Amino acid sequence: MPSAVIVEYDAAWPVRARELLTEVRSALASLPGADGFVYEHIGSTAVPGLGAKPIVDLQVRMPDLPPLAELAELLVPTPFVPAHGARPNSPGVHRDGRRPGDQADDAAYEKRLFHSPAESAILHVRRADSPFARFVVDFRDWLRCHPEQARRYEQIKRRLADQHAGGPDYDDYTRAKTAFFTEIGPRLRDWAAGS
Protein backbone atom coordinates (compact mmCIF):
# COMPACT_ATOMS: atom_id res chain seq x y z
CA MET A 1 0.00 0.00 0.00
CA PRO A 2 1.26 3.52 -0.72
CA SER A 3 1.65 6.11 2.01
CA ALA A 4 -1.45 8.07 3.02
CA VAL A 5 -2.40 10.99 0.79
CA ILE A 6 -5.50 13.06 1.57
CA VAL A 7 -7.38 14.50 -1.41
CA GLU A 8 -10.45 16.72 -1.71
CA TYR A 9 -13.86 15.08 -1.48
CA ASP A 10 -15.05 13.46 -4.71
CA ALA A 11 -18.81 13.14 -5.36
CA ALA A 12 -18.05 9.98 -7.37
CA TRP A 13 -17.11 8.08 -4.20
CA PRO A 14 -20.66 7.26 -3.03
CA VAL A 15 -21.63 6.32 -6.58
CA ARG A 16 -18.71 3.91 -6.80
CA ALA A 17 -19.56 2.57 -3.32
CA ARG A 18 -23.15 1.79 -4.39
CA GLU A 19 -21.97 0.02 -7.53
CA LEU A 20 -19.42 -2.09 -5.65
CA LEU A 21 -21.88 -2.94 -2.88
CA THR A 22 -24.35 -4.13 -5.52
CA GLU A 23 -21.70 -6.49 -6.90
CA VAL A 24 -20.80 -7.75 -3.43
CA ARG A 25 -24.47 -8.28 -2.49
CA SER A 26 -24.97 -10.35 -5.63
CA ALA A 27 -21.83 -12.40 -4.97
CA LEU A 28 -22.83 -13.19 -1.36
CA ALA A 29 -26.50 -13.93 -2.13
CA SER A 30 -26.04 -17.70 -1.76
CA LEU A 31 -24.89 -17.48 1.86
CA PRO A 32 -27.47 -18.50 4.48
CA GLY A 33 -29.26 -15.44 5.82
CA ALA A 34 -27.91 -13.16 3.08
CA ASP A 35 -31.19 -11.25 2.94
CA GLY A 36 -30.42 -9.95 6.42
CA PHE A 37 -26.83 -8.83 5.75
CA VAL A 38 -26.16 -5.10 6.07
CA TYR A 39 -24.17 -3.43 3.27
CA GLU A 40 -22.65 -0.01 4.03
CA HIS A 41 -20.39 2.69 2.68
CA ILE A 42 -18.19 3.67 5.63
CA GLY A 43 -15.09 5.75 6.27
CA SER A 44 -14.25 9.27 5.24
CA THR A 45 -15.33 8.81 1.63
CA ALA A 46 -18.87 8.32 3.00
CA VAL A 47 -18.94 11.79 4.59
CA PRO A 48 -19.93 14.48 2.04
CA GLY A 49 -17.32 17.22 1.78
CA LEU A 50 -14.66 15.42 3.84
CA GLY A 51 -11.19 15.11 2.35
CA ALA A 52 -9.92 11.52 2.45
CA LYS A 53 -7.55 8.95 1.10
CA PRO A 54 -9.12 8.18 -2.31
CA ILE A 55 -10.00 4.66 -1.19
CA VAL A 56 -13.66 3.72 -0.75
CA ASP A 57 -14.32 1.68 2.40
CA LEU A 58 -17.25 -0.72 2.40
CA GLN A 59 -18.64 -2.93 5.13
CA VAL A 60 -20.81 -6.04 5.20
CA ARG A 61 -22.26 -7.14 8.52
CA MET A 62 -23.45 -10.73 8.87
CA PRO A 63 -24.31 -12.98 11.84
CA ASP A 64 -21.34 -15.36 11.39
CA LEU A 65 -18.15 -15.08 9.39
CA PRO A 66 -17.51 -17.83 6.85
CA PRO A 67 -13.90 -18.94 6.38
CA LEU A 68 -11.77 -16.51 4.38
CA ALA A 69 -11.34 -19.02 1.54
CA GLU A 70 -15.10 -19.46 1.19
CA LEU A 71 -15.71 -15.71 1.04
CA ALA A 72 -12.84 -15.27 -1.42
CA GLU A 73 -14.38 -17.89 -3.71
CA LEU A 74 -17.78 -16.20 -3.57
CA LEU A 75 -16.23 -12.80 -4.30
CA VAL A 76 -14.40 -13.99 -7.45
CA PRO A 77 -16.95 -12.24 -9.74
CA THR A 78 -16.19 -8.95 -7.97
CA PRO A 79 -12.91 -7.01 -8.05
CA PHE A 80 -12.17 -7.94 -4.40
CA VAL A 81 -9.38 -10.28 -3.28
CA PRO A 82 -8.16 -11.07 0.25
CA ALA A 83 -6.00 -8.35 1.82
CA HIS A 84 -3.08 -9.40 3.94
CA GLY A 85 -1.75 -6.05 5.12
CA ALA A 86 1.55 -4.38 4.37
CA ARG A 87 3.24 -5.76 7.50
CA PRO A 88 2.63 -8.69 9.85
CA ASN A 89 1.18 -6.28 12.43
CA SER A 90 -0.90 -4.18 10.04
CA PRO A 91 -3.93 -2.93 11.98
CA GLY A 92 -7.42 -4.17 11.21
CA VAL A 93 -6.62 -7.00 8.82
CA HIS A 94 -7.81 -10.10 10.68
CA ARG A 95 -9.43 -8.41 13.65
CA ASP A 96 -10.42 -4.96 14.79
CA GLY A 97 -9.08 -3.24 17.87
CA ARG A 98 -11.18 -2.97 20.98
CA ARG A 99 -12.44 0.58 21.61
CA PRO A 100 -12.43 1.97 25.17
CA GLY A 101 -15.62 0.87 26.92
CA ASP A 102 -16.37 -2.09 24.62
CA GLN A 103 -17.67 -5.14 26.49
CA ALA A 104 -17.98 -7.72 23.71
CA ASP A 105 -16.31 -11.10 23.57
CA ASP A 106 -12.99 -11.18 21.70
CA ALA A 107 -14.55 -13.26 18.90
CA ALA A 108 -16.77 -10.29 17.95
CA TYR A 109 -13.69 -8.41 16.70
CA GLU A 110 -12.71 -11.04 14.14
CA LYS A 111 -13.10 -9.89 10.52
CA ARG A 112 -12.35 -10.68 6.90
CA LEU A 113 -10.62 -8.01 4.84
CA PHE A 114 -10.64 -7.73 1.05
CA HIS A 115 -9.37 -5.05 -1.27
CA SER A 116 -9.48 -4.04 -4.89
CA PRO A 117 -6.40 -2.07 -5.93
CA ALA A 118 -7.93 -1.48 -9.37
CA GLU A 119 -11.07 0.06 -7.84
CA SER A 120 -9.25 1.75 -4.93
CA ALA A 121 -11.66 0.06 -2.54
CA ILE A 122 -11.54 -1.96 0.67
CA LEU A 123 -14.21 -4.39 1.88
CA HIS A 124 -14.52 -5.12 5.60
CA VAL A 125 -16.64 -8.19 6.43
CA ARG A 126 -17.62 -8.12 10.09
CA ARG A 127 -19.98 -9.90 12.43
CA ALA A 128 -23.30 -8.19 12.98
CA ASP A 129 -22.55 -7.96 16.70
CA SER A 130 -19.11 -6.39 16.19
CA PRO A 131 -18.77 -3.27 18.34
CA PHE A 132 -16.25 -1.96 15.81
CA ALA A 133 -18.76 -2.37 12.97
CA ARG A 134 -21.20 -0.27 14.98
CA PHE A 135 -18.45 2.25 15.83
CA VAL A 136 -17.52 2.94 12.19
CA VAL A 137 -21.17 3.55 11.27
CA ASP A 138 -21.75 5.77 14.32
CA PHE A 139 -18.54 7.67 13.57
CA ARG A 140 -19.56 8.21 9.93
CA ASP A 141 -23.00 9.47 10.97
CA TRP A 142 -21.57 11.64 13.75
CA LEU A 143 -19.21 13.35 11.27
CA ARG A 144 -22.13 13.90 8.88
CA CYS A 145 -24.07 15.63 11.68
CA HIS A 146 -21.11 17.60 13.08
CA PRO A 147 -19.41 19.43 10.19
CA GLU A 148 -17.08 21.31 12.54
CA GLN A 149 -15.75 17.97 13.84
CA ALA A 150 -15.49 16.66 10.28
CA ARG A 151 -13.34 19.67 9.36
CA ARG A 152 -11.21 19.12 12.46
CA TYR A 153 -10.82 15.42 11.62
CA GLU A 154 -9.74 16.32 8.09
CA GLN A 155 -7.11 18.73 9.45
CA ILE A 156 -5.79 16.02 11.76
CA LYS A 157 -5.67 13.50 8.91
CA ARG A 158 -3.81 15.93 6.65
CA ARG A 159 -1.26 16.66 9.41
CA LEU A 160 -0.77 12.94 10.11
CA ALA A 161 -0.49 12.15 6.40
CA ASP A 162 2.27 14.76 6.12
CA GLN A 163 4.03 13.33 9.19
CA HIS A 164 3.95 9.81 7.77
CA ALA A 165 4.52 10.73 4.12
CA GLY A 166 7.86 8.91 4.02
CA GLY A 167 6.42 5.65 5.36
CA PRO A 168 6.31 2.51 3.22
CA ASP A 169 2.55 2.16 3.85
CA TYR A 170 -0.16 3.92 5.86
CA ASP A 171 -0.16 1.64 8.91
CA ASP A 172 1.48 4.26 11.16
CA TYR A 173 -0.94 6.90 9.87
CA THR A 174 -3.85 4.58 10.73
CA ARG A 175 -2.52 3.97 14.24
CA ALA A 176 -1.97 7.70 14.80
CA LYS A 177 -5.64 8.49 14.12
CA THR A 178 -6.60 6.41 17.18
CA ALA A 179 -5.91 9.39 19.48
CA PHE A 180 -8.74 11.33 17.82
CA PHE A 181 -11.13 8.38 18.07
CA THR A 182 -10.30 7.97 21.76
CA GLU A 183 -10.78 11.68 22.43
CA ILE A 184 -14.22 11.91 20.83
CA GLY A 185 -15.32 8.43 21.94
CA PRO A 186 -17.42 9.48 24.97
CA ARG A 187 -19.22 12.23 23.00
CA LEU A 188 -19.80 9.87 20.10
CA ARG A 189 -21.24 7.18 22.41
CA ASP A 190 -23.59 9.68 24.05
CA TRP A 191 -24.69 11.01 20.66
CA ALA A 192 -25.26 7.51 19.23
CA ALA A 193 -27.24 6.46 22.31
CA GLY A 194 -29.52 9.48 21.92
CA SER A 195 -30.04 9.31 18.17
Foldseek 3Di string as FASTA:
>chain_A
DAFFDWDWADPCQVVLLVVQQVLLLVLCVPDPPSVVKDKDWFDQNLAPGFIGRPATEIEIAAADDDDQVVSQVSCVVGQKHFDCDPDVPQAPAQFHDDAPPDDDDRVQGGWTKIGHPVSRYIYIYGYNPRPVVVVRVLVSVVCNVPVVVSVVLSVLLNVLSVVCNPPRYHRVSVVVSVVVCNVCVVVSVVVVVVD
